[in-house]
């Protein structure tokens, strides 16, 4: 039976998701809610095989081993720590990851 991981979301990542909802909701509140629910569903899939997600390109510069799950135009940046997946940020794909953006390293 495959190993299950516990998925924990940082306060910063929760704030990112709230910001995404707010941005989309300016024009379409129902679409914002549907999008965030689907995004959270995608994040939930990380409890199974989080290693399937690619390493972020910024790892080489940052000296990290973060991965990302891409959904629509957004990247969910996370790290694997033992049996936990820690969601660090949820960023638009055009945003580069830097150490100043991270919480809970």
Foldseek 3Di string as FASTA:
>chain_A
DFQFAAEAEDPLAVVQLVVQCVVVVVVPNVVSVVVSVVVVVQSVVCRGPVVVFAFDPCCVVAVDRWGWDDDDQWTFIWDDDPRYIYGWHIGGNVDDDDPVSGDDD
